Amino acid sequence: MKVITIVGPTAVGKTSLSIDLAKKFNGEIISGDSMQVYRGLDIGTAKVTPSEMAGIVHHLIDVKNVDENYSAADFQKTARRTIEEISRRGKVPIVVGGTGLYIQSLLWDYKLGSEGEAIDNTLRIKYEAFADNNGNEALWQKLQAADSLAAKKIHYNNRKKVIRALEVFETTGHSILEPKEQPQKLYDSFIIGLNTDRAILYQRINERVDLMVEQGLLEEAKKLAKTPEVQAAQGIGYKELFPYFSGKTSLESALEEIKLHSRRYAKRQLTWFRNRMSVHWYDLVQQPDTILEIEATIAKWLAEDKATLSIEDV
C-alpha cells in the first residue's frame, strides 16, 4: 500500500505541498501533528484553514477537546485505520506533519507502551519539570524503578540521558539498552522532507510568530490558560504566554520565548527525521520550481505498481 509522507520543521511549506499533491494525485490528507488534533487551537498550531484545504479531505484535525489527552498510540491506531479507508476508496493517503514519533510509529511496526504517552516533547517536559522540582537524584530513582538496567549505566547527574531512557521505556516498554530488532516497514511510503537554509528557516519561524499574534494568538492562549494543567497547554506558542497573563513577564519576553522554543523544536525535528528515516529532501523556499521534480518523482513512484501488475498479467 502506497503512502505519500511529507515531513520537516515548521514554516517550510508542508501544508501547501500536501494540497498540491492531493489535487494532482487524487489524495486525502492525514495530519501527523500532535497539536492540530485539538479543537479551538487553530492559530498557535498553524492549522490549515478551510479555504487553504481547497476542497481536499483532511483527517485527524479537530478530533479532541483541549482537556483530553492524545498520544502516539492513539494516532497510530486511528491513522492506520484512516489509511486503509482512503486506499479502499481508490485514493492516495498523504501523511503530513512534523511530529517525528507519530510519523515513525505509523509507518513502521512499532509497539508503543500501554501508557500511550508517546509525544516526544510532552514526556521530556514532564520529566524536566520533575527534575527541576525534585532534583536529579529523584529523577534517577524513577529510572531505577522503571529500568534498572539503564540506571546502572547512567549517572544520576546526566539528566539528559536519564530523561531519554525514561522516554524510551515509557514509550516502548523496553530498556534503552536492550537490543532491538529493526521494526518492519508497514507501507510503501515515499517520504518527502522539506527544509531550507537555517538562517532563512529561523527568520520564517520568527515572522510566523509575529503573524500569529496579529491573527489572535493571545486570545486563543488566554482560553487555554484557564486549564494550564492539561496536555494541550504544553504546546509551544501557548505555555510561554501564561507568565505574561499572570503579570510575571512582558509580552515582548514571552514572544521571544515562543520564537526561541520554536527554533529549538525545528532543530529537534530535523535531527529526528535525518537520523531515523530515509527522506528525500527538497527546499521549496529557495527553489520553488523543485515542486515539478517532486511531482514527476511521485508520479513515477505511484506508477510502479501499475507497471508490475501489467507485466504479471501478460
C-alpha atoms as a PDB file:
ATOM      1  CA  MET A   1       0.000   0.000   0.000  1.00  0.00           C
ATOM      2  CA  LYS A   2       1.470   3.337  -1.061  1.00  0.00           C
ATOM      3  CA  VAL A   3       1.524   6.327   1.291  1.00  0.00           C
ATOM      4  CA  ILE A   4       2.985   9.731   0.483  1.00  0.00           C
ATOM      5  CA  THR A   5       4.569  11.309   3.563  1.00  0.00           C
ATOM      6  CA  ILE A   6       5.660  14.934   3.953  1.00  0.00           C
ATOM      7  CA  VAL A   7       7.839  15.828   6.948  1.00  0.00           C
ATOM      8  CA  GLY A   8      10.012  18.675   8.131  1.00  0.00           C
ATOM      9  CA  PRO A   9      10.113  21.577  10.582  1.00  0.00           C
ATOM     10  CA  THR A  10       7.530  24.306  10.848  1.00  0.00           C
ATOM     11  CA  ALA A  11       7.303  27.095   8.261  1.00  0.00           C
ATOM     12  CA  VAL A  12       8.786  25.259   5.263  1.00  0.00           C
ATOM     13  CA  GLY A  13       5.647  24.751   3.155  1.00  0.00           C
ATOM     14  CA  LYS A  14       4.380  21.284   4.112  1.00  0.00           C
ATOM     15  CA  THR A  15       0.719  22.308   4.004  1.00  0.00           C
ATOM     16  CA  SER A  16       0.933  23.911   0.578  1.00  0.00           C
ATOM     17  CA  LEU A  17       2.800  20.951  -0.916  1.00  0.00           C
ATOM     18  CA  SER A  18       0.393  18.417   0.558  1.00  0.00           C
ATOM     19  CA  ILE A  19      -2.609  20.133  -1.011  1.00  0.00           C
ATOM     20  CA  ASP A  20      -0.843  20.422  -4.358  1.00  0.00           C
ATOM     21  CA  LEU A  21      -0.038  16.689  -4.354  1.00  0.00           C
ATOM     22  CA  ALA A  22      -3.535  15.760  -3.164  1.00  0.00           C
ATOM     23  CA  LYS A  23      -5.051  17.656  -6.081  1.00  0.00           C
ATOM     24  CA  LYS A  24      -2.661  16.154  -8.605  1.00  0.00           C
ATOM     25  CA  PHE A  25      -2.777  12.534  -7.412  1.00  0.00           C
ATOM     26  CA  ASN A  26      -6.332  12.198  -6.051  1.00  0.00           C
ATOM     27  CA  GLY A  27      -5.252  12.188  -2.439  1.00  0.00           C
ATOM     28  CA  GLU A  28      -6.622  12.759   1.026  1.00  0.00           C
ATOM     29  CA  ILE A  29      -4.515  14.255   3.803  1.00  0.00           C
ATOM     30  CA  ILE A  30      -3.856  12.824   7.266  1.00  0.00           C
ATOM     31  CA  SER A  31      -2.416  15.294   9.765  1.00  0.00           C
ATOM     32  CA  GLY A  32       0.599  13.931  11.614  1.00  0.00           C
ATOM     33  CA  ASP A  33       0.785  16.815  14.072  1.00  0.00           C
ATOM     34  CA  SER A  34       0.378  16.292  17.814  1.00  0.00           C
ATOM     35  CA  MET A  35      -1.355  19.645  18.426  1.00  0.00           C
ATOM     36  CA  GLN A  36      -3.667  20.058  15.436  1.00  0.00           C
ATOM     37  CA  VAL A  37      -5.955  17.386  16.857  1.00  0.00           C
ATOM     38  CA  TYR A  38      -7.299  19.937  19.344  1.00  0.00           C
ATOM     39  CA  ARG A  39     -10.424  21.935  18.620  1.00  0.00           C
ATOM     40  CA  GLY A  40     -10.009  25.668  19.074  1.00  0.00           C
ATOM     41  CA  LEU A  41      -6.213  25.660  18.830  1.00  0.00           C
ATOM     42  CA  ASP A  42      -6.016  26.973  15.286  1.00  0.00           C
ATOM     43  CA  ILE A  43      -3.592  29.891  15.246  1.00  0.00           C
ATOM     44  CA  GLY A  44      -0.855  28.602  17.547  1.00  0.00           C
ATOM     45  CA  THR A  45      -0.734  25.257  15.725  1.00  0.00           C
ATOM     46  CA  ALA A  46      -0.688  26.827  12.229  1.00  0.00           C
ATOM     47  CA  LYS A  47      -3.704  24.682  11.402  1.00  0.00           C
ATOM     48  CA  VAL A  48      -4.775  24.567   7.769  1.00  0.00           C
ATOM     49  CA  THR A  49      -7.787  26.809   7.167  1.00  0.00           C
ATOM     50  CA  PRO A  50     -10.934  25.715   5.309  1.00  0.00           C
ATOM     51  CA  SER A  51     -10.035  27.947   2.365  1.00  0.00           C
ATOM     52  CA  GLU A  52      -6.484  26.536   2.243  1.00  0.00           C
ATOM     53  CA  MET A  53      -7.897  22.992   2.147  1.00  0.00           C
ATOM     54  CA  ALA A  54      -9.274  23.793  -1.314  1.00  0.00           C
ATOM     55  CA  GLY A  55     -11.832  21.008  -1.048  1.00  0.00           C
ATOM     56  CA  ILE A  56      -9.282  18.338  -0.138  1.00  0.00           C
ATOM     57  CA  VAL A  57     -10.436  15.997   2.640  1.00  0.00           C
ATOM     58  CA  HIS A  58      -8.325  16.309   5.801  1.00  0.00           C
ATOM     59  CA  HIS A  59      -8.249  13.775   8.630  1.00  0.00           C
ATOM     60  CA  LEU A  60      -7.208  13.891  12.320  1.00  0.00           C
ATOM     61  CA  ILE A  61      -7.738  17.633  12.684  1.00  0.00           C
ATOM     62  CA  ASP A  62     -10.122  18.914  15.381  1.00  0.00           C
ATOM     63  CA  VAL A  63     -10.830  15.472  16.833  1.00  0.00           C
ATOM     64  CA  LYS A  64     -10.133  16.203  20.524  1.00  0.00           C
ATOM     65  CA  ASN A  65     -11.176  18.770  23.106  1.00  0.00           C
ATOM     66  CA  VAL A  66      -8.352  20.652  24.807  1.00  0.00           C
ATOM     67  CA  ASP A  67      -8.925  18.839  28.111  1.00  0.00           C
ATOM     68  CA  GLU A  68      -8.371  15.413  26.509  1.00  0.00           C
ATOM     69  CA  ASN A  69      -5.053  13.596  26.172  1.00  0.00           C
ATOM     70  CA  TYR A  70      -3.746  12.368  22.849  1.00  0.00           C
ATOM     71  CA  SER A  71      -0.774  10.088  22.300  1.00  0.00           C
ATOM     72  CA  ALA A  72       1.298   8.483  19.592  1.00  0.00           C
ATOM     73  CA  ALA A  73      -0.539   5.242  20.342  1.00  0.00           C
ATOM     74  CA  ASP A  74      -3.875   6.970  19.680  1.00  0.00           C
ATOM     75  CA  PHE A  75      -2.526   8.465  16.478  1.00  0.00           C
ATOM     76  CA  GLN A  76      -1.015   5.189  15.294  1.00  0.00           C
ATOM     77  CA  LYS A  77      -4.285   3.302  15.662  1.00  0.00           C
ATOM     78  CA  THR A  78      -6.501   5.961  14.085  1.00  0.00           C
ATOM     79  CA  ALA A  79      -4.143   6.910  11.261  1.00  0.00           C
ATOM     80  CA  ARG A  80      -3.618   3.295  10.182  1.00  0.00           C
ATOM     81  CA  ARG A  81      -7.361   2.783  10.011  1.00  0.00           C
ATOM     82  CA  THR A  82      -7.690   6.012   8.024  1.00  0.00           C
ATOM     83  CA  ILE A  83      -5.003   4.916   5.555  1.00  0.00           C
ATOM     84  CA  GLU A  84      -6.943   1.711   4.921  1.00  0.00           C
ATOM     85  CA  GLU A  85     -10.184   3.634   4.360  1.00  0.00           C
ATOM     86  CA  ILE A  86      -8.594   6.129   1.961  1.00  0.00           C
ATOM     87  CA  SER A  87      -6.927   3.360  -0.037  1.00  0.00           C
ATOM     88  CA  ARG A  88     -10.173   1.384  -0.306  1.00  0.00           C
ATOM     89  CA  ARG A  89     -11.767   4.433  -1.897  1.00  0.00           C
ATOM     90  CA  GLY A  90      -9.075   4.357  -4.559  1.00  0.00           C
ATOM     91  CA  LYS A  91      -7.368   7.486  -3.269  1.00  0.00           C
ATOM     92  CA  VAL A  92      -3.805   8.158  -2.152  1.00  0.00           C
ATOM     93  CA  PRO A  93      -3.145   8.708   1.579  1.00  0.00           C
ATOM     94  CA  ILE A  94      -0.864  11.692   2.221  1.00  0.00           C
ATOM     95  CA  VAL A  95       0.511  11.945   5.761  1.00  0.00           C
ATOM     96  CA  VAL A  96       1.761  15.421   6.683  1.00  0.00           C
ATOM     97  CA  GLY A  97       3.386  16.556   9.898  1.00  0.00           C
ATOM     98  CA  GLY A  98       6.348  17.458  12.000  1.00  0.00           C
ATOM     99  CA  THR A  99       5.877  15.154  14.999  1.00  0.00           C
ATOM    100  CA  GLY A 100       8.610  12.633  14.310  1.00  0.00           C
ATOM    101  CA  LEU A 101       7.490   9.928  16.699  1.00  0.00           C
ATOM    102  CA  TYR A 102       3.985   9.981  15.237  1.00  0.00           C
ATOM    103  CA  ILE A 103       5.267   9.501  11.690  1.00  0.00           C
ATOM    104  CA  GLN A 104       7.736   6.794  12.642  1.00  0.00           C
ATOM    105  CA  SER A 105       5.268   4.817  14.749  1.00  0.00           C
ATOM    106  CA  LEU A 106       2.745   4.959  11.903  1.00  0.00           C
ATOM    107  CA  LEU A 107       4.926   3.853   9.007  1.00  0.00           C
ATOM    108  CA  TRP A 108       6.864   1.159  10.895  1.00  0.00           C
ATOM    109  CA  ASP A 109       5.642  -1.661  13.115  1.00  0.00           C
ATOM    110  CA  TYR A 110       6.470  -0.035  16.436  1.00  0.00           C
ATOM    111  CA  LYS A 111       4.873  -1.442  19.581  1.00  0.00           C
ATOM    112  CA  LEU A 112       4.009   1.520  21.741  1.00  0.00           C
ATOM    113  CA  GLY A 113       3.714   1.362  25.502  1.00  0.00           C
ATOM    114  CA  SER A 114       0.346   0.858  27.107  1.00  0.00           C
ATOM    115  CA  GLU A 115       0.602   4.275  28.742  1.00  0.00           C
ATOM    116  CA  GLY A 116       0.235   5.822  25.309  1.00  0.00           C
ATOM    117  CA  GLU A 117       2.168   8.965  26.334  1.00  0.00           C
ATOM    118  CA  ALA A 118       4.470   8.931  23.339  1.00  0.00           C
ATOM    119  CA  ILE A 119       4.618  12.593  22.334  1.00  0.00           C
ATOM    120  CA  ASP A 120       8.330  13.319  22.075  1.00  0.00           C
ATOM    121  CA  ASN A 121       8.234  16.757  23.703  1.00  0.00           C
ATOM    122  CA  THR A 122       5.454  16.085  26.224  1.00  0.00           C
ATOM    123  CA  LEU A 123       7.366  13.392  28.100  1.00  0.00           C
ATOM    124  CA  ARG A 124      10.531  15.473  28.060  1.00  0.00           C
ATOM    125  CA  ILE A 125       8.719  18.484  29.517  1.00  0.00           C
ATOM    126  CA  LYS A 126       7.155  16.315  32.216  1.00  0.00           C
ATOM    127  CA  TYR A 127      10.461  14.806  33.361  1.00  0.00           C
ATOM    128  CA  GLU A 128      12.362  18.078  33.158  1.00  0.00           C
ATOM    129  CA  ALA A 129       9.746  19.704  35.381  1.00  0.00           C
ATOM    130  CA  PHE A 130      10.014  16.796  37.836  1.00  0.00           C
ATOM    131  CA  ALA A 131      13.809  17.166  37.975  1.00  0.00           C
ATOM    132  CA  ASP A 132      13.556  20.929  38.463  1.00  0.00           C
ATOM    133  CA  ASN A 133      11.210  20.431  41.408  1.00  0.00           C
ATOM    134  CA  ASN A 134      12.736  17.316  42.982  1.00  0.00           C
ATOM    135  CA  GLY A 135      16.348  17.137  41.804  1.00  0.00           C
ATOM    136  CA  ASN A 136      18.379  14.900  39.500  1.00  0.00           C
ATOM    137  CA  GLU A 137      18.728  12.081  42.007  1.00  0.00           C
ATOM    138  CA  ALA A 138      14.958  11.794  42.470  1.00  0.00           C
ATOM    139  CA  LEU A 139      14.580  11.673  38.674  1.00  0.00           C
ATOM    140  CA  TRP A 140      17.240   8.930  38.513  1.00  0.00           C
ATOM    141  CA  GLN A 141      15.337   6.963  41.174  1.00  0.00           C
ATOM    142  CA  LYS A 142      12.354   6.959  38.821  1.00  0.00           C
ATOM    143  CA  LEU A 143      14.598   5.389  36.189  1.00  0.00           C
ATOM    144  CA  GLN A 144      15.929   2.909  38.749  1.00  0.00           C
ATOM    145  CA  ALA A 145      12.387   1.777  39.500  1.00  0.00           C
ATOM    146  CA  ALA A 146      11.394   1.537  35.827  1.00  0.00           C
ATOM    147  CA  ASP A 147      14.604   0.415  34.113  1.00  0.00           C
ATOM    148  CA  SER A 148      17.342  -0.741  36.478  1.00  0.00           C
ATOM    149  CA  LEU A 149      19.469  -1.865  33.526  1.00  0.00           C
ATOM    150  CA  ALA A 150      19.741   1.705  32.220  1.00  0.00           C
ATOM    151  CA  ALA A 151      20.059   3.179  35.711  1.00  0.00           C
ATOM    152  CA  LYS A 152      23.207   1.133  36.314  1.00  0.00           C
ATOM    153  CA  LYS A 153      24.844   2.682  33.253  1.00  0.00           C
ATOM    154  CA  ILE A 154      23.670   6.300  33.544  1.00  0.00           C
ATOM    155  CA  HIS A 155      24.901   8.656  36.275  1.00  0.00           C
ATOM    156  CA  TYR A 156      22.126  10.456  38.151  1.00  0.00           C
ATOM    157  CA  ASN A 157      23.568  13.876  37.236  1.00  0.00           C
ATOM    158  CA  ASN A 158      23.345  13.128  33.496  1.00  0.00           C
ATOM    159  CA  ARG A 159      19.810  14.478  33.358  1.00  0.00           C
ATOM    160  CA  LYS A 160      19.583  14.395  29.560  1.00  0.00           C
ATOM    161  CA  LYS A 161      20.372  10.676  29.312  1.00  0.00           C
ATOM    162  CA  VAL A 162      18.169   9.804  32.288  1.00  0.00           C
ATOM    163  CA  ILE A 163      15.212  11.572  30.675  1.00  0.00           C
ATOM    164  CA  ARG A 164      15.885   9.916  27.328  1.00  0.00           C
ATOM    165  CA  ALA A 165      15.953   6.482  28.969  1.00  0.00           C
ATOM    166  CA  LEU A 166      12.661   7.215  30.740  1.00  0.00           C
ATOM    167  CA  GLU A 167      11.124   8.382  27.457  1.00  0.00           C
ATOM    168  CA  VAL A 168      12.141   5.201  25.690  1.00  0.00           C
ATOM    169  CA  PHE A 169      10.866   2.967  28.475  1.00  0.00           C
ATOM    170  CA  GLU A 170       7.532   4.765  28.793  1.00  0.00           C
ATOM    171  CA  THR A 171       7.048   4.826  25.024  1.00  0.00           C
ATOM    172  CA  THR A 172       8.095   1.260  24.170  1.00  0.00           C
ATOM    173  CA  GLY A 173       8.038  -0.680  27.428  1.00  0.00           C
ATOM    174  CA  HIS A 174      11.668  -1.719  26.816  1.00  0.00           C
ATOM    175  CA  SER A 175      15.009  -0.599  28.174  1.00  0.00           C
ATOM    176  CA  ILE A 176      17.001   1.810  26.053  1.00  0.00           C
ATOM    177  CA  LEU A 177      19.912  -0.616  26.416  1.00  0.00           C
ATOM    178  CA  GLU A 178      18.072  -3.718  25.207  1.00  0.00           C
ATOM    179  CA  PRO A 179      18.991  -4.823  21.695  1.00  0.00           C
ATOM    180  CA  LYS A 180      16.039  -4.268  19.406  1.00  0.00           C
ATOM    181  CA  GLU A 181      15.158  -5.799  16.089  1.00  0.00           C
ATOM    182  CA  GLN A 182      14.656  -3.335  13.279  1.00  0.00           C
ATOM    183  CA  PRO A 183      10.875  -2.843  13.049  1.00  0.00           C
ATOM    184  CA  GLN A 184       9.214  -3.785   9.806  1.00  0.00           C
ATOM    185  CA  LYS A 185       8.041  -1.042   7.482  1.00  0.00           C
ATOM    186  CA  LEU A 186       4.287  -1.415   7.028  1.00  0.00           C
ATOM    187  CA  TYR A 187       3.727   0.724   3.941  1.00  0.00           C
ATOM    188  CA  ASP A 188       5.458   1.561   0.697  1.00  0.00           C
ATOM    189  CA  SER A 189       5.958   5.180   1.694  1.00  0.00           C
ATOM    190  CA  PHE A 190       7.783   7.866  -0.244  1.00  0.00           C
ATOM    191  CA  ILE A 191       8.974  10.331   2.407  1.00  0.00           C
ATOM    192  CA  ILE A 192       9.419  13.925   1.248  1.00  0.00           C
ATOM    193  CA  GLY A 193      11.383  16.174   3.599  1.00  0.00           C
ATOM    194  CA  LEU A 194      11.166  19.946   3.325  1.00  0.00           C
ATOM    195  CA  ASN A 195      13.875  22.194   4.720  1.00  0.00           C
ATOM    196  CA  THR A 196      15.764  25.359   3.871  1.00  0.00           C
ATOM    197  CA  ASP A 197      18.831  27.322   4.931  1.00  0.00           C
ATOM    198  CA  ARG A 198      18.910  27.623   8.727  1.00  0.00           C
ATOM    199  CA  ALA A 199      19.029  31.431   8.791  1.00  0.00           C
ATOM    200  CA  ILE A 200      16.043  31.602   6.433  1.00  0.00           C
ATOM    201  CA  LEU A 201      14.161  28.962   8.427  1.00  0.00           C
ATOM    202  CA  TYR A 202      14.664  30.811  11.704  1.00  0.00           C
ATOM    203  CA  GLN A 203      13.595  34.089  10.115  1.00  0.00           C
ATOM    204  CA  ARG A 204      10.419  32.446   8.793  1.00  0.00           C
ATOM    205  CA  ILE A 205       9.691  30.993  12.231  1.00  0.00           C
ATOM    206  CA  ASN A 206      10.102  34.415  13.871  1.00  0.00           C
ATOM    207  CA  GLU A 207       7.870  36.030  11.261  1.00  0.00           C
ATOM    208  CA  ARG A 208       5.259  33.316  11.690  1.00  0.00           C
ATOM    209  CA  VAL A 209       5.055  34.000  15.427  1.00  0.00           C
ATOM    210  CA  ASP A 210       4.534  37.723  14.760  1.00  0.00           C
ATOM    211  CA  LEU A 211       1.793  36.875  12.259  1.00  0.00           C
ATOM    212  CA  MET A 212       0.114  34.567  14.757  1.00  0.00           C
ATOM    213  CA  VAL A 213      -0.082  37.429  17.232  1.00  0.00           C
ATOM    214  CA  GLU A 214      -1.756  39.585  14.590  1.00  0.00           C
ATOM    215  CA  GLN A 215      -4.223  36.767  13.872  1.00  0.00           C
ATOM    216  CA  GLY A 216      -5.285  36.437  17.517  1.00  0.00           C
ATOM    217  CA  LEU A 217      -2.828  34.085  19.235  1.00  0.00           C
ATOM    218  CA  LEU A 218      -3.181  35.846  22.591  1.00  0.00           C
ATOM    219  CA  GLU A 219      -6.943  35.394  22.682  1.00  0.00           C
ATOM    220  CA  GLU A 220      -6.536  31.705  21.847  1.00  0.00           C
ATOM    221  CA  ALA A 221      -3.877  31.255  24.539  1.00  0.00           C
ATOM    222  CA  LYS A 222      -5.990  33.057  27.185  1.00  0.00           C
ATOM    223  CA  LYS A 223      -8.684  30.404  26.844  1.00  0.00           C
ATOM    224  CA  LEU A 224      -6.104  27.649  27.263  1.00  0.00           C
ATOM    225  CA  ALA A 225      -4.531  29.411  30.253  1.00  0.00           C
ATOM    226  CA  LYS A 226      -7.694  28.641  32.245  1.00  0.00           C
ATOM    227  CA  THR A 227      -6.602  24.977  32.308  1.00  0.00           C
ATOM    228  CA  PRO A 228      -2.761  25.106  32.288  1.00  0.00           C
ATOM    229  CA  GLU A 229      -2.507  21.562  33.630  1.00  0.00           C
ATOM    230  CA  VAL A 230      -3.893  19.857  30.500  1.00  0.00           C
ATOM    231  CA  GLN A 231      -1.638  18.258  27.892  1.00  0.00           C
ATOM    232  CA  ALA A 232      -2.663  20.716  25.178  1.00  0.00           C
ATOM    233  CA  ALA A 233      -1.392  23.626  27.307  1.00  0.00           C
ATOM    234  CA  GLN A 234       2.168  22.307  26.968  1.00  0.00           C
ATOM    235  CA  GLY A 235       2.273  23.206  23.284  1.00  0.00           C
ATOM    236  CA  ILE A 236       4.845  25.720  22.104  1.00  0.00           C
ATOM    237  CA  GLY A 237       3.164  29.043  21.481  1.00  0.00           C
ATOM    238  CA  TYR A 238       0.795  28.745  24.414  1.00  0.00           C
ATOM    239  CA  LYS A 239       2.624  27.922  27.632  1.00  0.00           C
ATOM    240  CA  GLU A 240       5.131  30.755  27.086  1.00  0.00           C
ATOM    241  CA  LEU A 241       2.288  33.279  27.274  1.00  0.00           C
ATOM    242  CA  PHE A 242       0.941  32.132  30.641  1.00  0.00           C
ATOM    243  CA  PRO A 243       3.553  34.109  32.675  1.00  0.00           C
ATOM    244  CA  TYR A 244       2.580  37.212  30.699  1.00  0.00           C
ATOM    245  CA  PHE A 245      -1.090  36.751  31.535  1.00  0.00           C
ATOM    246  CA  SER A 246      -0.225  36.495  35.233  1.00  0.00           C
ATOM    247  CA  GLY A 247       1.958  39.622  35.119  1.00  0.00           C
ATOM    248  CA  LYS A 248       5.251  37.821  35.664  1.00  0.00           C
ATOM    249  CA  THR A 249       6.862  38.856  32.382  1.00  0.00           C
ATOM    250  CA  SER A 250       6.398  41.245  29.469  1.00  0.00           C
ATOM    251  CA  LEU A 251       4.689  40.377  26.207  1.00  0.00           C
ATOM    252  CA  GLU A 252       7.942  41.001  24.359  1.00  0.00           C
ATOM    253  CA  SER A 253       9.773  38.487  26.554  1.00  0.00           C
ATOM    254  CA  ALA A 254       7.004  35.924  26.177  1.00  0.00           C
ATOM    255  CA  LEU A 255       7.069  36.208  22.385  1.00  0.00           C
ATOM    256  CA  GLU A 256      10.850  35.873  22.344  1.00  0.00           C
ATOM    257  CA  GLU A 257      10.443  32.657  24.335  1.00  0.00           C
ATOM    258  CA  ILE A 258       7.987  31.337  21.771  1.00  0.00           C
ATOM    259  CA  LYS A 259      10.398  32.118  18.949  1.00  0.00           C
ATOM    260  CA  LEU A 260      13.327  30.547  20.804  1.00  0.00           C
ATOM    261  CA  HIS A 261      11.427  27.376  21.655  1.00  0.00           C
ATOM    262  CA  SER A 262      10.053  27.137  18.109  1.00  0.00           C
ATOM    263  CA  ARG A 263      13.558  27.379  16.642  1.00  0.00           C
ATOM    264  CA  ARG A 264      14.859  24.744  19.037  1.00  0.00           C
ATOM    265  CA  TYR A 265      11.956  22.463  18.223  1.00  0.00           C
ATOM    266  CA  ALA A 266      12.622  22.870  14.498  1.00  0.00           C
ATOM    267  CA  LYS A 267      16.199  21.756  15.122  1.00  0.00           C
ATOM    268  CA  ARG A 268      14.990  18.679  17.032  1.00  0.00           C
ATOM    269  CA  GLN A 269      12.524  17.870  14.255  1.00  0.00           C
ATOM    270  CA  LEU A 270      15.268  17.920  11.632  1.00  0.00           C
ATOM    271  CA  THR A 271      17.568  15.787  13.779  1.00  0.00           C
ATOM    272  CA  TRP A 272      14.809  13.200  14.227  1.00  0.00           C
ATOM    273  CA  PHE A 273      13.960  12.902  10.541  1.00  0.00           C
ATOM    274  CA  ARG A 274      17.583  12.850   9.411  1.00  0.00           C
ATOM    275  CA  ASN A 275      18.633  10.180  11.888  1.00  0.00           C
ATOM    276  CA  ARG A 276      15.614   7.868  11.880  1.00  0.00           C
ATOM    277  CA  MET A 277      14.198   7.702   8.357  1.00  0.00           C
ATOM    278  CA  SER A 278      15.192   7.630   4.726  1.00  0.00           C
ATOM    279  CA  VAL A 279      13.973  11.011   3.499  1.00  0.00           C
ATOM    280  CA  HIS A 280      14.115  12.702   0.081  1.00  0.00           C
ATOM    281  CA  TRP A 281      14.962  16.317   0.927  1.00  0.00           C
ATOM    282  CA  TYR A 282      13.848  19.390  -1.015  1.00  0.00           C
ATOM    283  CA  ASP A 283      13.980  23.163  -0.499  1.00  0.00           C
ATOM    284  CA  LEU A 284      10.803  24.734  -1.827  1.00  0.00           C
ATOM    285  CA  VAL A 285      11.501  28.029  -0.051  1.00  0.00           C
ATOM    286  CA  GLN A 286      14.565  28.913  -2.101  1.00  0.00           C
ATOM    287  CA  GLN A 287      13.812  26.641  -5.067  1.00  0.00           C
ATOM    288  CA  PRO A 288      10.026  26.695  -5.600  1.00  0.00           C
ATOM    289  CA  ASP A 289      10.359  25.145  -9.069  1.00  0.00           C
ATOM    290  CA  THR A 290      11.529  21.966  -7.361  1.00  0.00           C
ATOM    291  CA  ILE A 291       7.857  21.130  -6.949  1.00  0.00           C
ATOM    292  CA  LEU A 292       7.891  19.966 -10.581  1.00  0.00           C
ATOM    293  CA  GLU A 293      10.648  17.490  -9.730  1.00  0.00           C
ATOM    294  CA  ILE A 294       8.674  16.274  -6.716  1.00  0.00           C
ATOM    295  CA  GLU A 295       5.525  15.790  -8.802  1.00  0.00           C
ATOM    296  CA  ALA A 296       7.408  13.885 -11.504  1.00  0.00           C
ATOM    297  CA  THR A 297       9.118  11.652  -8.937  1.00  0.00           C
ATOM    298  CA  ILE A 298       5.842  10.863  -7.175  1.00  0.00           C
ATOM    299  CA  ALA A 299       4.102  10.147 -10.492  1.00  0.00           C
ATOM    300  CA  LYS A 300       6.822   7.655 -11.412  1.00  0.00           C
ATOM    301  CA  TRP A 301       6.727   6.060  -7.956  1.00  0.00           C
ATOM    302  CA  LEU A 302       2.937   5.695  -7.994  1.00  0.00           C
ATOM    303  CA  ALA A 303       3.098   4.096 -11.460  1.00  0.00           C
ATOM    304  CA  GLU A 304       5.469   1.341 -10.307  1.00  0.00           C
ATOM    305  CA  ASP A 305       2.694  -0.925  -9.030  1.00  0.00           C
ATOM    306  CA  LYS A 306       0.695  -0.499 -12.210  1.00  0.00           C
ATOM    307  CA  ALA A 307       3.702  -1.430 -14.324  1.00  0.00           C
ATOM    308  CA  THR A 308       4.353  -4.513 -12.183  1.00  0.00           C
ATOM    309  CA  LEU A 309       0.713  -5.588 -12.428  1.00  0.00           C
ATOM    310  CA  SER A 310       0.624  -5.223 -16.208  1.00  0.00           C
ATOM    311  CA  ILE A 311       3.756  -7.361 -16.585  1.00  0.00           C
ATOM    312  CA  GLU A 312       2.321 -10.074 -14.314  1.00  0.00           C
ATOM    313  CA  ASP A 313      -0.969 -10.045 -16.234  1.00  0.00           C
ATOM    314  CA  VAL A 314       0.734 -10.786 -19.562  1.00  0.00           C
END
